[in-house]
Amino acid sequence: MGQSRVRGEGTRHRVPHARDLGWDDSLYEEDGTRKKGAPGAPAGDGDGAPGPSPAAKQGKKTGKRRVGRWVAAVLALLILGTAGAGYVYYEHLNSNIKKDKLNLGKNKMAEHKVNAAGQTPLNILLIGSDARDSKENQALGGARDTFNSPPLADVQMLIHLSADRSNVSVISMPRDTMLKIPECTDPETGKVYPAREWAQTNESLGRGGPGCTVATWYELTGITIDHFMMIDFAGVVSMADAVGGVPVCVDKNIHSRTRDGKGSGLKLPKGTHPIQGEQALQWLRTRYGFGDGSDLYRARAQHMYMNSMVRELRANAKLTDPNKLRKLAEAATEALTVDEGLGTITKLYDLGQELKSVPTERITMTTMPNVYSTRLRGKVEPKPGEAEQIFEMIREDIPLDGKASKRKQPTASKDPAAPVAETEVMVQNGTYTPQLGSAKGRATTIAAVLSGKGYTLAKADAATNPQEKTVVRFPSAELEGDAQALAKALGIPASAVKKSADVTRITLVVGADWREGDTYPKSAGKTDGKTPKSANPLSAGDTTKCMEVDPNFTW
């Protein structure tokens, strides 16, 4: 990385567009290197996506830029596991830390709602850059034709620390998720990158820096992000070695090697074994041999590794050795870029202390529920319903481990008793679905309902704006209290109230969850408090899990 930015200082290269994404997976080896003589092509695969059938998986090679997909885990492990080892070991590391802007999008993120106890949650986005702009990263990453090209955000993990500091939830987003990337402005050059309605999420990093990745997450999830931490993969090996090995488990002997020589090369006997160095890299890269050979299983293996390393970092007495801790901390901070609000060792230490207070068994790793895209082969999209459910759980501070929370109910940021007769409201029909079409007259109906509640300036808009769930948008902080009051009047949850630069007044979009009736369905805005099974939740306290080995890759 450069001194203050994730990308190189040389000539900018064009970020791939959706039309460029029809690459040939057969051009790459399992370890991420390009086959000899293969022509250049963009990189990407479907981390976390459902995999191919057993009959088809041997023909799919998705080794492109693989290392980058898990490097953000290193930082999470450092913060979660070693923060309490002693402030003195961190003080001299300040100069290693690089800083960048938190949010490069037009939409200012809403402030957290403070609960009755004065507590707020904390959300940190971990970003793993695949940047190959140093000799160390180039040696690890291979793919020489990608050296010094714009980096991709190949790992994206949101860490949610609950308001009562009782639990941590982690959501991984597959790197090949197709979504809307909002307009972003490069803080160094002033270049404006226009919004893209259909793009791959990992491209966001090359559109001005990590602040654009933050803006992209906010656009999709509505989750306010307090900080980001980005890391490349140069320090991964040294950190794994400094810990002294990370125990992992397989339910059969495994050798990740296909008949034609592809695979990570990982070879382990059945049972639990500590891995480090090259073997740790092989584990984190392995696709062929785990489960059905899909990226979903590879992501699960990465989560198991992370959880195990958290346990090692917390319990391993070797880390009381100042020299071992110094090597671990220096390896991480030299590869670290954070937002300006987190740019000192003191602030990182304070954050680490908060995270360290969470019991290991209440750290839950998940993957954003996703489905294969019907518009672009090999790419994924957020799974309708279930992805939004997990986002809503984070917004509402509901633990993903299913255990009761001590959280307090949030209060509105402003007194909701606003003079409703003076509140202008635009109502739009967003009930369209491909299966059912639009429910006719919904904007007019709900505008009349509002009028009956005293909102005499509520008007129906002829424009349609399809939304899976009903949402209330407001353009500025001054109108947030009025927007909250409107939602309360209709029984719409506070989490559906969002600030947006796309509206000029309070705008109610009646979603597909409210196709009929004058009363908002009580079940529509409520989550059942359960994490969808498709998110594959995994507790850091669970030491019994082993990776399932495909019988075709045993010995």
Protein backbone atom coordinates (compact mmCIF):
# COMPACT_ATOMS: atom_id res chain seq x y z
CA MET A 1 0.00 0.00 0.00
CA GLY A 2 0.98 3.60 -0.38
CA GLN A 3 1.67 5.80 2.62
CA SER A 4 -1.93 6.83 3.09
CA ARG A 5 -3.93 4.92 0.56
CA VAL A 6 -4.60 1.35 -0.42
CA ARG A 7 -3.72 1.66 -4.05
CA GLY A 8 -0.41 2.27 -5.74
CA GLU A 9 0.90 5.70 -6.76
CA GLY A 10 1.23 4.79 -10.40
CA THR A 11 -1.21 5.06 -13.29
CA ARG A 12 -4.83 4.34 -12.44
CA HIS A 13 -6.39 1.37 -14.17
CA ARG A 14 -10.02 1.11 -15.09
CA VAL A 15 -12.20 -0.69 -12.57
CA PRO A 16 -14.00 -3.59 -14.29
CA HIS A 17 -17.66 -3.05 -15.17
CA ALA A 18 -20.40 -5.67 -15.02
CA ARG A 19 -20.04 -6.33 -18.73
CA ASP A 20 -16.42 -7.32 -18.09
CA LEU A 21 -17.27 -9.95 -15.51
CA GLY A 22 -17.82 -12.97 -17.73
CA TRP A 23 -14.36 -14.29 -17.03
CA ASP A 24 -13.23 -17.85 -17.59
CA ASP A 25 -12.54 -19.65 -14.30
CA SER A 26 -10.34 -22.16 -16.11
CA LEU A 27 -7.60 -19.53 -16.50
CA TYR A 28 -6.52 -19.79 -12.84
CA GLU A 29 -4.87 -22.29 -10.53
CA GLU A 30 -6.33 -23.12 -7.10
CA ASP A 31 -3.65 -21.04 -5.34
CA GLY A 32 -4.61 -17.87 -7.22
CA THR A 33 -1.82 -17.87 -9.82
CA ARG A 34 -2.66 -17.53 -13.50
CA LYS A 35 -2.04 -20.51 -15.76
CA LYS A 36 0.98 -20.22 -17.99
CA GLY A 37 0.04 -18.52 -21.25
CA ALA A 38 -3.45 -17.56 -20.07
CA PRO A 39 -4.64 -14.14 -21.28
CA GLY A 40 -5.43 -11.38 -18.76
CA ALA A 41 -8.86 -11.38 -17.16
CA PRO A 42 -10.54 -9.74 -14.14
CA ALA A 43 -10.53 -11.73 -10.90
CA GLY A 44 -13.40 -12.88 -8.76
CA ASP A 45 -15.35 -15.82 -7.45
CA GLY A 46 -18.38 -16.48 -5.33
CA ASP A 47 -17.18 -16.56 -1.71
CA GLY A 48 -20.01 -17.74 0.44
CA ALA A 49 -22.21 -18.71 -2.52
CA PRO A 50 -23.83 -22.10 -2.95
CA GLY A 51 -21.44 -24.31 -4.83
CA PRO A 52 -21.65 -26.44 -7.96
CA SER A 53 -22.95 -29.98 -8.00
CA PRO A 54 -20.45 -32.77 -7.33
CA ALA A 55 -20.48 -33.61 -11.02
CA ALA A 56 -19.72 -30.05 -12.05
CA LYS A 57 -17.32 -28.89 -9.39
CA GLN A 58 -14.24 -30.53 -10.90
CA GLY A 59 -14.67 -28.30 -13.94
CA LYS A 60 -14.91 -25.01 -12.05
CA LYS A 61 -11.66 -23.32 -11.09
CA THR A 62 -12.07 -20.29 -8.92
CA GLY A 63 -8.62 -19.56 -7.57
CA LYS A 64 -8.46 -15.89 -8.48
CA ARG A 65 -7.08 -13.43 -5.92
CA ARG A 66 -7.95 -15.94 -3.25
CA VAL A 67 -5.62 -14.79 -0.53
CA GLY A 68 -7.34 -11.44 -0.16
CA ARG A 69 -10.69 -12.91 0.87
CA TRP A 70 -9.59 -13.77 4.44
CA VAL A 71 -6.90 -11.26 5.39
CA ALA A 72 -9.30 -8.98 7.26
CA ALA A 73 -9.69 -11.81 9.74
CA VAL A 74 -6.17 -11.13 10.98
CA LEU A 75 -7.08 -7.73 12.28
CA ALA A 76 -10.23 -9.00 13.99
CA LEU A 77 -8.16 -11.63 15.74
CA LEU A 78 -5.58 -9.13 16.87
CA ILE A 79 -8.18 -6.77 18.30
CA LEU A 80 -10.39 -9.47 19.81
CA GLY A 81 -7.59 -11.55 21.24
CA THR A 82 -4.58 -9.50 22.28
CA ALA A 83 -5.79 -6.06 23.26
CA GLY A 84 -5.45 -6.74 26.98
CA ALA A 85 -1.83 -7.89 26.77
CA GLY A 86 -0.46 -4.50 27.74
CA TYR A 87 -0.66 -0.93 26.47
CA VAL A 88 3.10 -0.46 26.65
CA TYR A 89 3.56 -2.84 23.70
CA TYR A 90 1.34 -0.73 21.45
CA GLU A 91 2.57 2.81 22.07
CA HIS A 92 5.48 2.70 19.61
CA LEU A 93 3.26 1.33 16.82
CA ASN A 94 1.37 4.58 16.12
CA SER A 95 3.58 5.50 13.18
CA ASN A 96 2.76 2.22 11.43
CA ILE A 97 -0.94 2.99 11.12
CA LYS A 98 -2.25 4.55 7.90
CA LYS A 99 -5.49 6.56 7.85
CA ASP A 100 -8.25 7.30 5.33
CA LYS A 101 -11.75 8.82 5.20
CA LEU A 102 -14.61 6.88 6.80
CA ASN A 103 -17.43 7.56 4.31
CA LEU A 104 -17.04 8.72 0.72
CA GLY A 105 -20.74 8.54 -0.17
CA LYS A 106 -23.25 11.40 -0.35
CA ASN A 107 -25.46 9.94 2.37
CA LYS A 108 -24.42 10.86 5.87
CA MET A 109 -24.99 7.87 8.10
CA ALA A 110 -27.66 8.25 10.77
CA GLU A 111 -26.55 8.49 14.36
CA HIS A 112 -27.13 5.54 16.67
CA LYS A 113 -30.21 5.71 18.86
CA VAL A 114 -29.11 6.05 22.48
CA ASN A 115 -30.98 3.68 24.78
CA ALA A 116 -32.30 4.42 28.27
CA ALA A 117 -28.98 3.42 29.81
CA GLY A 118 -27.04 5.78 27.53
CA GLN A 119 -25.56 2.84 25.58
CA THR A 120 -25.02 2.57 21.83
CA PRO A 121 -23.81 -0.35 19.69
CA LEU A 122 -20.55 -0.16 17.75
CA ASN A 123 -20.09 -1.36 14.16
CA ILE A 124 -16.66 -1.86 12.57
CA LEU A 125 -16.22 -2.88 8.92
CA LEU A 126 -13.17 -5.07 8.31
CA ILE A 127 -11.84 -4.86 4.77
CA GLY A 128 -9.26 -7.19 3.26
CA SER A 129 -7.46 -5.60 0.33
CA ASP A 130 -5.91 -7.75 -2.38
CA ALA A 131 -3.45 -4.94 -3.20
CA ARG A 132 -0.23 -6.20 -4.76
CA ASP A 133 1.81 -3.02 -4.47
CA SER A 134 4.64 -4.32 -2.29
CA LYS A 135 7.18 -7.11 -2.77
CA GLU A 136 5.72 -8.98 0.22
CA ASN A 137 2.15 -8.88 -1.10
CA GLN A 138 3.28 -9.75 -4.62
CA ALA A 139 5.17 -12.79 -3.34
CA LEU A 140 2.09 -14.02 -1.47
CA GLY A 141 -0.52 -13.11 -4.05
CA GLY A 142 1.00 -14.22 -7.33
CA ALA A 143 -0.93 -13.13 -10.45
CA ARG A 144 1.81 -10.85 -11.78
CA ASP A 145 -0.51 -9.13 -14.25
CA THR A 146 -2.44 -7.65 -11.31
CA PHE A 147 0.58 -5.98 -9.67
CA ASN A 148 -0.12 -2.30 -8.85
CA SER A 149 -3.64 -2.43 -10.30
CA PRO A 150 -6.57 -1.00 -8.30
CA PRO A 151 -7.21 -3.12 -5.21
CA LEU A 152 -10.39 -5.07 -4.62
CA ALA A 153 -12.14 -5.42 -1.26
CA ASP A 154 -11.92 -9.19 -1.28
CA VAL A 155 -12.86 -9.54 2.39
CA GLN A 156 -15.74 -7.58 3.91
CA MET A 157 -16.80 -8.43 7.45
CA LEU A 158 -18.99 -6.30 9.68
CA ILE A 159 -18.26 -6.64 13.41
CA HIS A 160 -21.22 -5.59 15.58
CA LEU A 161 -20.52 -4.99 19.28
CA SER A 162 -23.84 -4.89 21.10
CA ALA A 163 -24.91 -1.79 23.03
CA ASP A 164 -24.68 -3.65 26.33
CA ARG A 165 -21.29 -5.09 25.31
CA SER A 166 -22.52 -8.63 25.97
CA ASN A 167 -22.01 -10.12 22.50
CA VAL A 168 -20.31 -9.71 19.13
CA SER A 169 -21.86 -10.63 15.78
CA VAL A 170 -19.86 -10.86 12.54
CA ILE A 171 -21.38 -10.82 9.04
CA SER A 172 -19.22 -11.72 6.04
CA MET A 173 -20.35 -10.48 2.62
CA PRO A 174 -19.32 -12.66 -0.35
CA ARG A 175 -16.86 -10.73 -2.53
CA ASP A 176 -18.88 -11.42 -5.68
CA THR A 177 -22.13 -9.95 -4.35
CA MET A 178 -23.81 -7.83 -7.01
CA LEU A 179 -25.41 -4.67 -5.65
CA LYS A 180 -25.65 -0.88 -5.98
CA ILE A 181 -22.44 1.09 -5.38
CA PRO A 182 -23.31 4.71 -4.52
CA GLU A 183 -21.58 7.80 -5.86
CA CYS A 184 -18.18 8.24 -4.17
CA THR A 185 -15.64 11.07 -4.26
CA ASP A 186 -11.92 10.38 -3.95
CA PRO A 187 -10.69 12.53 -1.02
CA GLU A 188 -7.21 12.94 -2.51
CA THR A 189 -7.98 13.74 -6.15
CA GLY A 190 -11.56 14.99 -5.95
CA LYS A 191 -12.56 12.55 -8.69
CA VAL A 192 -16.25 11.66 -8.55
CA TYR A 193 -17.19 8.07 -9.28
CA PRO A 194 -20.87 7.99 -10.36
CA ALA A 195 -23.27 5.54 -8.76
CA ARG A 196 -23.56 2.11 -10.36
CA GLU A 197 -26.82 0.22 -10.05
CA TRP A 198 -25.30 -3.20 -10.79
CA ALA A 199 -21.72 -3.84 -9.75
CA GLN A 200 -19.62 -6.27 -7.77
CA THR A 201 -19.13 -5.22 -4.16
CA ASN A 202 -15.36 -5.71 -4.08
CA GLU A 203 -14.92 -3.05 -6.80
CA SER A 204 -15.99 -0.39 -4.28
CA LEU A 205 -12.48 -0.16 -2.84
CA GLY A 206 -11.04 1.09 -6.14
CA ARG A 207 -13.56 3.96 -6.28
CA GLY A 208 -11.78 6.37 -3.95
CA GLY A 209 -10.72 4.09 -1.10
CA PRO A 210 -12.21 2.12 1.81
CA GLY A 211 -14.72 4.91 2.51
CA CYS A 212 -16.57 3.87 -0.66
CA THR A 213 -16.81 0.29 0.64
CA VAL A 214 -18.32 1.72 3.84
CA ALA A 215 -20.82 3.77 1.78
CA THR A 216 -21.75 0.65 -0.22
CA TRP A 217 -22.50 -1.31 2.94
CA TYR A 218 -24.66 1.52 4.28
CA GLU A 219 -26.52 1.73 0.97
CA LEU A 220 -27.40 -1.98 1.14
CA THR A 221 -27.96 -2.56 4.84
CA GLY A 222 -28.90 0.75 6.48
CA ILE A 223 -26.46 -0.18 9.26
CA THR A 224 -24.51 2.78 10.63
CA ILE A 225 -20.79 2.02 10.48
CA ASP A 226 -18.62 3.72 13.10
CA HIS A 227 -15.17 2.65 11.91
CA PHE A 228 -13.36 0.63 9.29
CA MET A 229 -10.12 -1.30 9.55
CA MET A 230 -8.40 -2.52 6.40
CA ILE A 231 -5.46 -4.88 6.10
CA ASP A 232 -3.50 -6.48 3.27
CA PHE A 233 -2.08 -10.00 3.50
CA ALA A 234 1.62 -9.27 4.03
CA GLY A 235 1.49 -9.90 7.80
CA VAL A 236 -0.69 -12.99 7.80
CA VAL A 237 2.03 -15.63 7.85
CA SER A 238 4.11 -13.91 10.50
CA MET A 239 1.05 -13.48 12.73
CA ALA A 240 0.11 -17.14 12.43
CA ASP A 241 3.68 -18.08 13.32
CA ALA A 242 3.76 -15.65 16.26
CA VAL A 243 0.72 -17.34 17.80
CA GLY A 244 2.53 -20.67 17.61
CA GLY A 245 -0.10 -22.51 15.57
CA VAL A 246 -3.88 -22.53 15.30
CA PRO A 247 -5.76 -25.79 15.99
CA VAL A 248 -8.10 -26.93 13.21
CA CYS A 249 -10.12 -30.10 12.79
CA VAL A 250 -11.14 -32.31 9.84
CA ASP A 251 -13.48 -35.30 10.06
CA LYS A 252 -11.41 -37.36 7.59
CA ASN A 253 -7.90 -37.36 6.17
CA ILE A 254 -7.76 -34.60 3.57
CA HIS A 255 -5.54 -33.84 0.60
CA SER A 256 -6.73 -30.84 -1.43
CA ARG A 257 -5.49 -31.90 -4.84
CA THR A 258 -7.52 -32.70 -7.94
CA ARG A 259 -6.57 -35.30 -10.52
CA ASP A 260 -5.22 -32.62 -12.81
CA GLY A 261 -3.04 -31.13 -10.07
CA LYS A 262 -5.26 -28.32 -8.85
CA GLY A 263 -6.03 -27.55 -5.23
CA SER A 264 -4.38 -25.78 -2.29
CA GLY A 265 -2.19 -28.77 -1.45
CA LEU A 266 -3.45 -28.95 2.15
CA LYS A 267 -2.76 -32.42 3.58
CA LEU A 268 -3.90 -33.28 7.10
CA PRO A 269 -4.84 -36.49 8.90
CA LYS A 270 -8.24 -36.86 10.56
CA GLY A 271 -8.63 -35.01 13.85
CA THR A 272 -7.39 -31.75 15.36
CA HIS A 273 -3.95 -30.37 14.50
CA PRO A 274 -2.18 -27.01 14.97
CA ILE A 275 -1.30 -25.31 11.68
CA GLN A 276 0.88 -22.30 10.91
CA GLY A 277 2.95 -20.76 8.12
CA GLU A 278 2.33 -22.30 4.69
CA GLN A 279 -0.11 -24.83 6.10
CA ALA A 280 -2.27 -22.03 7.55
CA LEU A 281 -2.33 -20.37 4.13
CA GLN A 282 -3.37 -23.66 2.55
CA TRP A 283 -6.24 -24.09 5.02
CA LEU A 284 -7.58 -20.62 4.36
CA ARG A 285 -7.35 -21.08 0.58
CA THR A 286 -8.84 -24.57 0.43
CA ARG A 287 -11.98 -25.10 -1.59
CA TYR A 288 -11.52 -28.52 -3.17
CA GLY A 289 -11.93 -31.07 -0.39
CA PHE A 290 -14.23 -29.23 2.03
CA GLY A 291 -17.92 -30.18 1.87
CA ASP A 292 -19.29 -29.86 -1.65
CA GLY A 293 -16.33 -27.85 -2.92
CA SER A 294 -18.22 -24.56 -2.79
CA ASP A 295 -17.08 -21.20 -1.48
CA LEU A 296 -19.69 -21.57 1.26
CA TYR A 297 -17.64 -24.34 2.81
CA ARG A 298 -14.40 -22.44 2.29
CA ALA A 299 -15.90 -19.47 4.17
CA ARG A 300 -16.95 -21.81 6.97
CA ALA A 301 -13.39 -23.14 7.20
CA GLN A 302 -12.14 -19.57 7.45
CA HIS A 303 -14.64 -18.84 10.25
CA MET A 304 -13.46 -21.96 12.11
CA TYR A 305 -9.87 -20.79 11.78
CA MET A 306 -10.73 -17.31 13.04
CA ASN A 307 -12.66 -18.65 16.01
CA SER A 308 -9.84 -21.00 16.93
CA MET A 309 -7.28 -18.23 16.66
CA VAL A 310 -9.39 -15.99 18.93
CA ARG A 311 -9.31 -18.75 21.54
CA GLU A 312 -5.55 -19.18 21.13
CA LEU A 313 -4.86 -15.46 21.39
CA ARG A 314 -6.89 -15.22 24.59
CA ALA A 315 -5.64 -18.36 26.28
CA ASN A 316 -2.13 -18.92 24.94
CA ALA A 317 0.40 -18.04 27.62
CA LYS A 318 3.09 -17.58 24.96
CA LEU A 319 1.63 -14.15 24.17
CA THR A 320 2.76 -12.85 27.55
CA ASP A 321 6.22 -12.89 25.99
CA PRO A 322 6.87 -9.24 24.96
CA ASN A 323 8.95 -10.26 21.94
CA LYS A 324 6.24 -12.54 20.53
CA LEU A 325 3.57 -9.92 21.14
CA ARG A 326 5.70 -7.20 19.56
CA LYS A 327 6.16 -9.25 16.39
CA LEU A 328 2.46 -9.98 16.21
CA ALA A 329 1.42 -6.36 16.75
CA GLU A 330 3.97 -4.92 14.34
CA ALA A 331 2.98 -7.37 11.60
CA ALA A 332 -0.63 -6.26 11.90
CA THR A 333 -0.17 -2.51 12.24
CA GLU A 334 2.27 -2.28 9.34
CA ALA A 335 -0.47 -3.67 7.10
CA LEU A 336 -3.24 -1.62 8.73
CA THR A 337 -5.33 1.30 7.41
CA VAL A 338 -8.11 2.74 9.57
CA ASP A 339 -10.51 5.68 9.50
CA GLU A 340 -9.36 8.94 11.04
CA GLY A 341 -11.45 8.38 14.15
CA LEU A 342 -9.50 5.23 14.97
CA GLY A 343 -6.03 6.33 13.94
CA THR A 344 -4.01 5.91 17.14
CA ILE A 345 -2.85 2.97 19.22
CA THR A 346 -4.71 4.44 22.19
CA LYS A 347 -8.03 4.35 20.31
CA LEU A 348 -7.36 0.87 18.97
CA TYR A 349 -6.46 -0.27 22.46
CA ASP A 350 -9.67 1.18 23.92
CA LEU A 351 -11.68 -0.54 21.19
CA GLY A 352 -9.86 -3.78 21.86
CA GLN A 353 -10.64 -3.55 25.56
CA GLU A 354 -14.36 -3.28 24.79
CA LEU A 355 -14.26 -6.23 22.44
CA LYS A 356 -12.13 -8.25 24.84
CA SER A 357 -14.85 -8.06 27.49
CA VAL A 358 -17.17 -10.19 25.35
CA PRO A 359 -17.09 -13.91 26.29
CA THR A 360 -15.69 -16.11 23.56
CA GLU A 361 -18.88 -18.17 23.42
CA ARG A 362 -20.84 -15.02 22.55
CA ILE A 363 -18.85 -14.24 19.40
CA THR A 364 -20.87 -15.44 16.39
CA MET A 365 -19.57 -15.66 12.82
CA THR A 366 -22.06 -15.64 9.92
CA THR A 367 -22.19 -15.19 6.15
CA MET A 368 -24.74 -12.89 4.50
CA PRO A 369 -27.51 -15.13 3.11
CA ASN A 370 -27.12 -15.12 -0.67
CA VAL A 371 -28.31 -16.78 -3.86
CA TYR A 372 -26.78 -17.14 -7.28
CA SER A 373 -27.58 -14.21 -9.54
CA THR A 374 -29.94 -14.93 -12.42
CA ARG A 375 -28.44 -12.04 -14.38
CA LEU A 376 -24.75 -12.89 -14.27
CA ARG A 377 -23.27 -16.37 -14.11
CA GLY A 378 -21.23 -17.20 -11.05
CA LYS A 379 -22.19 -14.07 -9.09
CA VAL A 380 -24.45 -13.82 -6.07
CA GLU A 381 -27.07 -11.43 -4.72
CA PRO A 382 -28.45 -10.92 -1.20
CA LYS A 383 -31.05 -13.62 -0.54
CA PRO A 384 -34.50 -11.98 -0.51
CA GLY A 385 -35.98 -11.81 2.96
CA GLU A 386 -33.20 -13.59 4.82
CA ALA A 387 -30.40 -11.11 4.07
CA GLU A 388 -32.63 -8.23 5.17
CA GLN A 389 -33.58 -10.21 8.28
CA ILE A 390 -29.98 -10.46 9.42
CA PHE A 391 -29.36 -6.78 8.62
CA GLU A 392 -32.42 -5.88 10.66
CA MET A 393 -31.17 -7.93 13.59
CA ILE A 394 -27.97 -5.90 13.56
CA ARG A 395 -29.86 -2.61 13.26
CA GLU A 396 -32.11 -3.63 16.15
CA ASP A 397 -29.14 -4.91 18.19
CA ILE A 398 -30.52 -8.45 18.38
CA PRO A 399 -27.78 -11.04 19.10
CA LEU A 400 -27.11 -13.49 16.28
CA ASP A 401 -26.37 -16.26 18.79
CA GLY A 402 -30.06 -16.36 19.78
CA LYS A 403 -29.41 -15.60 23.44
CA ALA A 404 -31.28 -12.94 25.38
CA SER A 405 -29.81 -9.45 25.34
CA LYS A 406 -29.81 -6.90 28.13
CA ARG A 407 -30.22 -4.15 25.58
CA LYS A 408 -32.56 -1.23 26.25
CA GLN A 409 -35.12 -0.10 23.71
CA PRO A 410 -33.81 2.85 21.66
CA THR A 411 -35.36 6.25 21.88
CA ALA A 412 -35.85 8.65 18.98
CA SER A 413 -33.11 11.23 18.46
CA LYS A 414 -35.72 14.00 18.59
CA ASP A 415 -39.02 14.52 20.38
CA PRO A 416 -41.47 12.68 18.06
CA ALA A 417 -44.34 14.97 19.07
CA ALA A 418 -43.95 17.09 15.95
CA PRO A 419 -46.78 19.26 14.57
CA VAL A 420 -48.01 16.63 12.10
CA ALA A 421 -50.28 19.07 10.22
CA GLU A 422 -47.15 20.94 9.11
CA THR A 423 -45.21 17.85 8.07
CA GLU A 424 -44.94 17.34 4.31
CA VAL A 425 -45.00 13.68 3.32
CA MET A 426 -44.67 12.13 -0.13
CA VAL A 427 -46.12 8.61 -0.41
CA GLN A 428 -44.88 6.23 -3.11
CA ASN A 429 -46.06 2.80 -4.20
CA GLY A 430 -43.19 0.32 -3.83
CA THR A 431 -45.23 -2.89 -3.73
CA TYR A 432 -44.06 -4.27 -7.09
CA THR A 433 -42.69 -7.82 -7.17
CA PRO A 434 -41.91 -9.89 -10.30
CA GLN A 435 -44.44 -12.51 -9.19
CA LEU A 436 -47.35 -10.24 -8.19
CA GLY A 437 -46.71 -6.94 -9.94
CA SER A 438 -47.86 -3.75 -8.14
CA ALA A 439 -50.79 -3.46 -5.77
CA LYS A 440 -52.80 -0.66 -7.35
CA GLY A 441 -53.62 2.52 -5.47
CA ARG A 442 -51.43 1.90 -2.44
CA ALA A 443 -49.89 5.38 -2.41
CA THR A 444 -53.31 7.02 -2.56
CA THR A 445 -54.72 4.71 0.14
CA ILE A 446 -51.92 5.28 2.63
CA ALA A 447 -51.84 9.03 1.95
CA ALA A 448 -55.51 9.05 2.97
CA VAL A 449 -54.67 7.08 6.11
CA LEU A 450 -52.06 9.68 7.01
CA SER A 451 -54.51 12.48 6.36
CA GLY A 452 -56.86 10.84 8.84
CA LYS A 453 -54.07 10.91 11.42
CA GLY A 454 -53.56 14.64 10.97
CA TYR A 455 -50.96 14.61 8.18
CA THR A 456 -52.95 16.94 5.95
CA LEU A 457 -49.93 17.63 3.72
CA ALA A 458 -49.44 13.95 2.82
CA LYS A 459 -49.64 13.42 -0.94
CA ALA A 460 -49.53 10.39 -3.22
CA ASP A 461 -46.71 10.35 -5.76
CA ALA A 462 -47.31 8.80 -9.17
CA ALA A 463 -43.78 7.40 -9.20
CA THR A 464 -43.28 3.72 -8.32
CA ASN A 465 -40.29 2.70 -6.25
CA PRO A 466 -40.14 -1.10 -5.63
CA GLN A 467 -39.04 -1.97 -2.09
CA GLU A 468 -39.11 -5.33 -0.36
CA LYS A 469 -39.96 -3.61 2.92
CA THR A 470 -41.73 -0.35 3.71
CA VAL A 471 -39.28 2.48 4.39
CA VAL A 472 -39.45 6.10 5.56
CA ARG A 473 -36.70 8.32 4.12
CA PHE A 474 -35.74 11.82 5.19
CA PRO A 475 -33.21 14.25 3.60
CA SER A 476 -31.64 16.03 6.60
CA ALA A 477 -31.02 15.66 10.32
CA GLU A 478 -33.61 18.37 11.07
CA LEU A 479 -36.36 16.08 9.75
CA GLU A 480 -35.29 12.88 11.49
CA GLY A 481 -37.62 13.40 14.47
CA ASP A 482 -40.56 14.09 12.15
CA ALA A 483 -39.75 10.96 10.15
CA GLN A 484 -39.58 8.88 13.34
CA ALA A 485 -42.95 10.32 14.43
CA LEU A 486 -44.49 9.38 11.07
CA ALA A 487 -43.21 5.81 11.38
CA LYS A 488 -44.56 5.56 14.91
CA ALA A 489 -47.97 6.83 13.80
CA LEU A 490 -48.22 3.99 11.27
CA GLY A 491 -46.63 1.29 13.42
CA ILE A 492 -43.55 1.07 11.19
CA PRO A 493 -40.36 0.06 13.07
CA ALA A 494 -37.77 2.75 13.80
CA SER A 495 -35.17 0.73 11.87
CA ALA A 496 -37.10 1.49 8.65
CA VAL A 497 -36.42 5.23 9.03
CA LYS A 498 -33.35 6.14 6.98
CA LYS A 499 -31.55 9.30 5.91
CA SER A 500 -31.20 9.60 2.14
CA ALA A 501 -29.81 12.13 -0.31
CA ASP A 502 -32.26 10.80 -2.91
CA VAL A 503 -35.26 12.58 -1.38
CA THR A 504 -36.04 16.27 -0.78
CA ARG A 505 -38.78 15.74 1.82
CA ILE A 506 -39.99 12.96 4.09
CA THR A 507 -40.92 10.11 1.76
CA LEU A 508 -42.87 7.01 2.70
CA VAL A 509 -42.38 4.10 0.29
CA VAL A 510 -45.07 1.47 0.83
CA GLY A 511 -43.22 -1.80 0.29
CA ALA A 512 -44.14 -5.30 -0.83
CA ASP A 513 -44.65 -6.23 2.83
CA TRP A 514 -47.76 -3.96 2.95
CA ARG A 515 -49.76 -4.75 -0.17
CA GLU A 516 -53.18 -4.39 1.42
CA GLY A 517 -55.04 -2.86 4.35
CA ASP A 518 -54.82 0.44 6.21
CA THR A 519 -52.72 -0.90 9.09
CA TYR A 520 -49.08 -1.86 8.76
CA PRO A 521 -48.84 -5.66 9.37
CA LYS A 522 -47.49 -6.31 12.84
CA SER A 523 -45.36 -9.19 11.56
CA ALA A 524 -43.90 -7.22 8.64
CA GLY A 525 -41.51 -5.08 10.63
CA LYS A 526 -40.65 -7.69 13.22
CA THR A 527 -37.84 -10.18 13.19
CA ASP A 528 -38.39 -13.46 15.04
CA GLY A 529 -35.05 -12.97 16.75
CA LYS A 530 -33.57 -16.01 15.03
CA THR A 531 -30.59 -15.98 12.71
CA PRO A 532 -31.46 -17.54 9.32
CA LYS A 533 -29.90 -20.98 8.88
CA SER A 534 -28.57 -19.82 5.52
CA ALA A 535 -26.21 -17.47 7.43
CA ASN A 536 -24.38 -20.54 8.80
CA PRO A 537 -23.86 -19.15 12.32
CA LEU A 538 -20.78 -20.44 14.12
CA SER A 539 -19.89 -19.66 17.75
CA ALA A 540 -16.29 -18.93 18.70
CA GLY A 541 -16.88 -20.92 21.87
CA ASP A 542 -17.74 -24.13 20.02
CA THR A 543 -14.65 -26.36 20.02
CA THR A 544 -16.45 -29.44 18.71
CA LYS A 545 -16.77 -28.50 15.05
CA CYS A 546 -14.74 -30.22 12.34
CA MET A 547 -14.70 -29.46 8.63
CA GLU A 548 -16.50 -32.02 6.51
CA VAL A 549 -14.13 -33.64 4.03
CA ASP A 550 -15.33 -34.72 0.58
CA PRO A 551 -14.62 -38.49 0.27
CA ASN A 552 -13.11 -37.79 -3.16
CA PHE A 553 -10.31 -35.84 -1.46
CA THR A 554 -9.35 -38.22 1.33
CA TRP A 555 -6.41 -40.58 1.59
